[in-house]
Amino acid sequence: MEKSHDVESGDWEKSLQPWIDCAPDSIEAISFLRRWRTKASPVLLQCADGKQYVVKGRQSGRQIINDQVVARLGSLLSAPVGIPHLVEISAELIEINSNLADFSPGLAHGTLWIPGCVDNYELLGTGEAENRSRYALLAILYSWVMDNDRQFLFNKTPPRLVYSVDHGHFFAGGPDWTIESLREDFEPKLAGGFENCFFKSVDFQQMRSALEKVDKDNIFSVVGRLPSDWSITMDERKVLVEYLLVRQQRLLSMLSSLLPETC
């Protein structure tokens, strides 16, 4: 496929390299709490900052790249996603916990544990005022990156606030994405499944405002800060930047077309 002309490519490697070279900002895992028996087999770890994190290791493959990128982009949009971190897992912690036997020492993907929730694949509480903005921001996040295998958490007690978690299958190609699969899907679509939210102009305005606040440097930072031992090449980082920038610009144009000219 021909290279898109929506954005100027410039020297993206030069823009990414300083972030790759930065010492990662991570927190240390100090004890094991529990494990979920799912395909990605995440674990709950107590960390040195006194908080608990849901953690996926490198045995999850490219899922942790997707998880980390989507959570960081969601945070930039102020969308209700798990707060992302890099979690340092020591060889000593693995050695004394058989539940961590398939983990490798080093940096893993983590998101802050959200207590008091139930999980669901369907949208709940779409009529609750507190969720309107949250669903609008999730809709634009999903449209931007291309969602797959959505998983939500909801507060057990009213208001049933929604959170989006576990984004390992997002992007074109899911956890098996390649340079080719990303380049074949530069054309975004508004994410489906939000029909019961009945979005109006004010919601599309919020989506556009949130998306246009994320600048190119933000995207270089998110992609560049992925740990080097997560098996992502420079060429893959560059096409991921391109994917995000092109889809962002096209989505902004799409959203503008849905708004009155005065917006």
Protein backbone atom coordinates (compact mmCIF):
# COMPACT_ATOMS: atom_id res chain seq x y z
CA MET A 1 0.00 0.00 0.00
CA GLU A 2 1.22 3.50 -0.78
CA LYS A 3 2.28 5.60 2.13
CA SER A 4 -0.45 7.91 3.38
CA HIS A 5 -0.12 11.64 2.77
CA ASP A 6 -2.44 12.60 5.65
CA VAL A 7 0.52 13.33 7.93
CA GLU A 8 4.11 14.35 7.35
CA SER A 9 6.41 11.48 8.16
CA GLY A 10 9.57 13.49 8.86
CA ASP A 11 12.34 11.66 10.70
CA TRP A 12 10.19 9.56 12.99
CA GLU A 13 13.09 7.42 14.11
CA LYS A 14 14.86 10.52 15.42
CA SER A 15 11.68 11.51 17.28
CA LEU A 16 11.21 8.05 18.77
CA GLN A 17 14.80 7.36 19.83
CA PRO A 18 14.98 9.73 22.83
CA TRP A 19 11.93 8.03 24.33
CA ILE A 20 13.38 4.58 23.67
CA ASP A 21 16.64 5.64 25.33
CA CYS A 22 14.89 7.00 28.45
CA ALA A 23 15.14 4.92 31.59
CA PRO A 24 11.65 3.41 32.01
CA ASP A 25 9.49 4.76 34.81
CA SER A 26 8.45 1.59 36.61
CA ILE A 27 7.25 0.31 39.97
CA GLU A 28 8.52 -2.82 41.71
CA ALA A 29 6.25 -5.79 42.38
CA ILE A 30 6.73 -7.07 45.92
CA SER A 31 4.16 -9.87 46.38
CA PHE A 32 1.73 -12.12 44.51
CA LEU A 33 -1.98 -11.89 45.35
CA ARG A 34 -4.01 -13.87 42.79
CA ARG A 35 -4.16 -15.14 39.22
CA TRP A 36 -6.90 -15.31 36.59
CA ARG A 37 -7.04 -18.49 34.50
CA THR A 38 -7.63 -16.84 31.16
CA LYS A 39 -5.60 -17.03 27.95
CA ALA A 40 -3.39 -14.10 28.92
CA SER A 41 -3.20 -15.32 32.55
CA PRO A 42 -2.90 -11.92 34.25
CA VAL A 43 -1.98 -11.71 37.91
CA LEU A 44 -2.70 -9.28 40.72
CA LEU A 45 0.47 -8.01 42.36
CA GLN A 46 1.13 -5.82 45.36
CA CYS A 47 3.67 -3.17 44.40
CA ALA A 48 6.13 -0.97 46.22
CA ASP A 49 3.92 2.12 45.91
CA GLY A 50 1.37 0.46 48.20
CA LYS A 51 -1.09 -0.19 45.37
CA GLN A 52 -2.25 -3.31 43.55
CA TYR A 53 -1.88 -3.84 39.80
CA VAL A 54 -3.28 -6.30 37.28
CA VAL A 55 -0.18 -7.47 35.42
CA LYS A 56 0.51 -9.30 32.16
CA GLY A 57 3.99 -10.57 31.37
CA ARG A 58 5.94 -11.08 28.18
CA GLN A 59 4.51 -14.60 27.84
CA SER A 60 1.34 -12.81 26.63
CA GLY A 61 3.19 -11.77 23.46
CA ARG A 62 2.13 -8.63 21.65
CA GLN A 63 -0.94 -8.30 23.87
CA ILE A 64 1.11 -6.32 26.37
CA ILE A 65 2.14 -3.84 23.66
CA ASN A 66 -1.51 -3.32 22.72
CA ASP A 67 -2.57 -3.09 26.36
CA GLN A 68 0.06 -0.53 27.24
CA VAL A 69 -0.49 1.66 24.18
CA VAL A 70 -4.30 1.67 24.37
CA ALA A 71 -4.31 2.39 28.11
CA ARG A 72 -1.88 5.29 27.67
CA LEU A 73 -3.84 6.73 24.74
CA GLY A 74 -7.04 6.32 26.73
CA SER A 75 -5.49 8.20 29.63
CA LEU A 76 -4.50 11.03 27.27
CA LEU A 77 -8.13 11.21 26.13
CA SER A 78 -9.30 11.14 29.79
CA ALA A 79 -11.26 7.99 28.91
CA PRO A 80 -12.16 5.58 31.75
CA VAL A 81 -9.41 2.99 31.29
CA GLY A 82 -7.19 1.25 33.79
CA ILE A 83 -4.29 3.55 34.76
CA PRO A 84 -1.23 2.04 33.06
CA HIS A 85 2.21 1.42 34.53
CA LEU A 86 5.28 -0.64 33.84
CA VAL A 87 5.80 -3.18 36.61
CA GLU A 88 9.25 -4.54 37.41
CA ILE A 89 9.15 -8.24 38.34
CA SER A 90 12.30 -9.62 39.92
CA ALA A 91 13.77 -13.08 39.44
CA GLU A 92 13.53 -13.54 43.22
CA LEU A 93 9.78 -12.90 43.26
CA ILE A 94 9.28 -15.39 40.43
CA GLU A 95 11.39 -17.98 42.21
CA ILE A 96 9.29 -17.95 45.39
CA ASN A 97 5.91 -17.91 43.59
CA SER A 98 4.95 -20.89 41.45
CA ASN A 99 2.06 -18.84 40.03
CA LEU A 100 4.65 -16.62 38.34
CA ALA A 101 6.64 -19.49 36.83
CA ASP A 102 5.79 -18.48 33.25
CA PHE A 103 6.78 -14.84 33.82
CA SER A 104 10.19 -13.52 32.82
CA PRO A 105 12.16 -11.12 35.03
CA GLY A 106 11.93 -7.53 33.88
CA LEU A 107 9.23 -5.11 32.87
CA ALA A 108 5.61 -6.21 32.50
CA HIS A 109 2.41 -4.37 31.61
CA GLY A 110 0.27 -3.31 34.54
CA THR A 111 -2.90 -1.36 35.22
CA LEU A 112 -4.10 -0.13 38.58
CA TRP A 113 -6.57 -2.55 40.15
CA ILE A 114 -10.15 -1.20 40.17
CA PRO A 115 -11.97 -2.70 43.18
CA GLY A 116 -15.71 -3.04 43.72
CA CYS A 117 -16.58 -3.89 40.11
CA VAL A 118 -18.21 -6.62 38.07
CA ASP A 119 -17.15 -7.48 34.53
CA ASN A 120 -19.42 -7.58 31.51
CA TYR A 121 -19.10 -7.67 27.73
CA GLU A 122 -22.26 -5.58 27.22
CA LEU A 123 -22.86 -1.90 27.88
CA LEU A 124 -24.65 -1.23 31.16
CA GLY A 125 -25.84 2.01 32.66
CA THR A 126 -26.06 3.84 29.33
CA GLY A 127 -28.90 5.96 30.70
CA GLU A 128 -26.94 7.07 33.78
CA ALA A 129 -25.77 10.68 33.45
CA GLU A 130 -22.37 9.90 34.96
CA ASN A 131 -21.62 7.47 32.12
CA ARG A 132 -22.50 9.68 29.16
CA SER A 133 -19.12 11.37 28.93
CA ARG A 134 -17.32 8.11 29.74
CA TYR A 135 -19.01 6.25 26.90
CA ALA A 136 -18.33 9.10 24.45
CA LEU A 137 -14.62 9.00 25.26
CA LEU A 138 -14.51 5.21 24.98
CA ALA A 139 -16.27 5.42 21.61
CA ILE A 140 -13.59 7.72 20.20
CA LEU A 141 -10.77 5.64 21.69
CA TYR A 142 -12.22 2.48 20.14
CA SER A 143 -12.70 4.21 16.79
CA TRP A 144 -9.13 5.49 16.84
CA VAL A 145 -7.24 2.30 17.59
CA MET A 146 -9.81 -0.27 16.29
CA ASP A 147 -11.38 -2.30 19.05
CA ASN A 148 -11.72 -6.06 19.33
CA ASP A 149 -12.85 -8.28 22.21
CA ARG A 150 -14.19 -5.47 24.41
CA GLN A 151 -14.22 -6.01 28.15
CA PHE A 152 -15.88 -3.65 30.61
CA LEU A 153 -15.99 -3.25 34.36
CA PHE A 154 -18.90 -1.60 36.16
CA ASN A 155 -19.20 -0.37 39.73
CA LYS A 156 -21.33 -2.78 41.74
CA THR A 157 -23.18 0.07 43.42
CA PRO A 158 -24.89 3.01 41.65
CA PRO A 159 -23.86 4.89 39.70
CA ARG A 160 -22.65 1.95 37.59
CA LEU A 161 -19.58 3.75 36.26
CA VAL A 162 -18.02 2.04 33.26
CA TYR A 163 -14.32 1.23 32.80
CA SER A 164 -12.63 -0.34 29.78
CA VAL A 165 -9.92 -2.91 30.49
CA ASP A 166 -7.91 -5.65 28.80
CA HIS A 167 -7.13 -4.23 25.36
CA GLY A 168 -4.75 -6.95 24.21
CA HIS A 169 -6.78 -7.73 21.08
CA PHE A 170 -7.17 -4.15 19.87
CA PHE A 171 -5.57 -2.79 16.66
CA ALA A 172 -5.83 -4.17 13.12
CA GLY A 173 -4.63 -7.73 13.49
CA GLY A 174 -5.10 -7.89 17.25
CA PRO A 175 -2.14 -9.34 19.18
CA ASP A 176 -0.78 -10.70 15.88
CA TRP A 177 -0.61 -7.33 14.13
CA THR A 178 2.10 -6.71 11.59
CA ILE A 179 3.34 -3.73 9.62
CA GLU A 180 1.16 -4.92 6.75
CA SER A 181 -2.01 -5.40 8.84
CA LEU A 182 -1.73 -1.89 10.27
CA ARG A 183 -1.14 -0.28 6.89
CA GLU A 184 -4.18 -2.05 5.46
CA ASP A 185 -6.45 -0.35 8.01
CA PHE A 186 -5.61 3.34 7.97
CA GLU A 187 -9.28 4.14 7.29
CA PRO A 188 -11.16 4.44 10.62
CA LYS A 189 -14.85 3.92 11.27
CA LEU A 190 -16.89 5.11 14.20
CA ALA A 191 -17.00 2.19 16.61
CA GLY A 192 -20.28 0.31 16.69
CA GLY A 193 -22.12 -1.00 19.72
CA PHE A 194 -22.85 2.40 21.25
CA GLU A 195 -26.31 2.81 19.71
CA ASN A 196 -28.02 2.82 23.12
CA CYS A 197 -25.97 5.86 24.12
CA PHE A 198 -27.82 8.01 21.55
CA PHE A 199 -24.90 10.38 21.05
CA LYS A 200 -25.73 13.98 20.12
CA SER A 201 -23.73 16.90 18.75
CA VAL A 202 -22.44 17.76 22.21
CA ASP A 203 -21.01 14.24 22.54
CA PHE A 204 -19.33 14.38 19.13
CA GLN A 205 -17.89 17.76 20.11
CA GLN A 206 -16.44 16.18 23.25
CA MET A 207 -14.95 13.35 21.19
CA ARG A 208 -13.33 15.79 18.77
CA SER A 209 -11.97 18.03 21.54
CA ALA A 210 -10.45 15.06 23.37
CA LEU A 211 -8.88 13.59 20.24
CA GLU A 212 -7.39 16.82 18.93
CA LYS A 213 -5.67 17.48 22.29
CA VAL A 214 -3.44 14.42 21.75
CA ASP A 215 -0.48 15.77 19.80
CA LYS A 216 2.26 14.09 17.81
CA ASP A 217 4.72 14.26 20.72
CA ASN A 218 2.24 12.40 22.93
CA ILE A 219 2.07 9.61 20.36
CA PHE A 220 5.86 9.43 19.98
CA SER A 221 6.13 9.19 23.76
CA VAL A 222 3.57 6.38 24.06
CA VAL A 223 5.14 4.28 21.31
CA GLY A 224 8.74 5.15 22.15
CA ARG A 225 8.42 4.23 25.82
CA LEU A 226 7.49 0.62 25.07
CA PRO A 227 10.30 -1.47 26.60
CA SER A 228 12.90 -2.63 24.08
CA ASP A 229 12.70 -6.23 25.33
CA TRP A 230 9.02 -6.43 24.35
CA SER A 231 10.05 -7.53 20.86
CA ILE A 232 8.98 -4.48 18.87
CA THR A 233 11.31 -3.26 16.13
CA MET A 234 11.97 0.33 15.11
CA ASP A 235 10.09 -0.25 11.84
CA GLU A 236 7.10 -1.56 13.80
CA ARG A 237 7.20 1.46 16.11
CA LYS A 238 7.26 3.79 13.11
CA VAL A 239 4.27 2.18 11.40
CA LEU A 240 2.37 2.17 14.71
CA VAL A 241 2.98 5.93 14.95
CA GLU A 242 1.83 6.31 11.34
CA TYR A 243 -1.29 4.21 12.00
CA LEU A 244 -2.25 6.35 14.98
CA LEU A 245 -1.54 9.70 13.34
CA VAL A 246 -3.35 8.92 10.09
CA ARG A 247 -6.40 7.47 11.80
CA GLN A 248 -6.47 10.40 14.22
CA GLN A 249 -6.54 12.98 11.41
CA ARG A 250 -9.19 11.08 9.47
CA LEU A 251 -11.34 10.68 12.56
CA LEU A 252 -11.12 14.39 13.31
CA SER A 253 -12.35 15.12 9.80
CA MET A 254 -15.16 12.60 10.21
CA LEU A 255 -16.24 14.12 13.53
CA SER A 256 -16.18 17.63 12.08
CA SER A 257 -18.58 16.51 9.38
CA LEU A 258 -21.04 15.37 12.06
CA LEU A 259 -21.10 18.76 13.79
CA PRO A 260 -22.92 21.97 12.95
CA GLU A 261 -20.67 24.52 11.26
CA THR A 262 -20.69 26.69 14.38
CA CYS A 263 -18.92 24.04 16.45
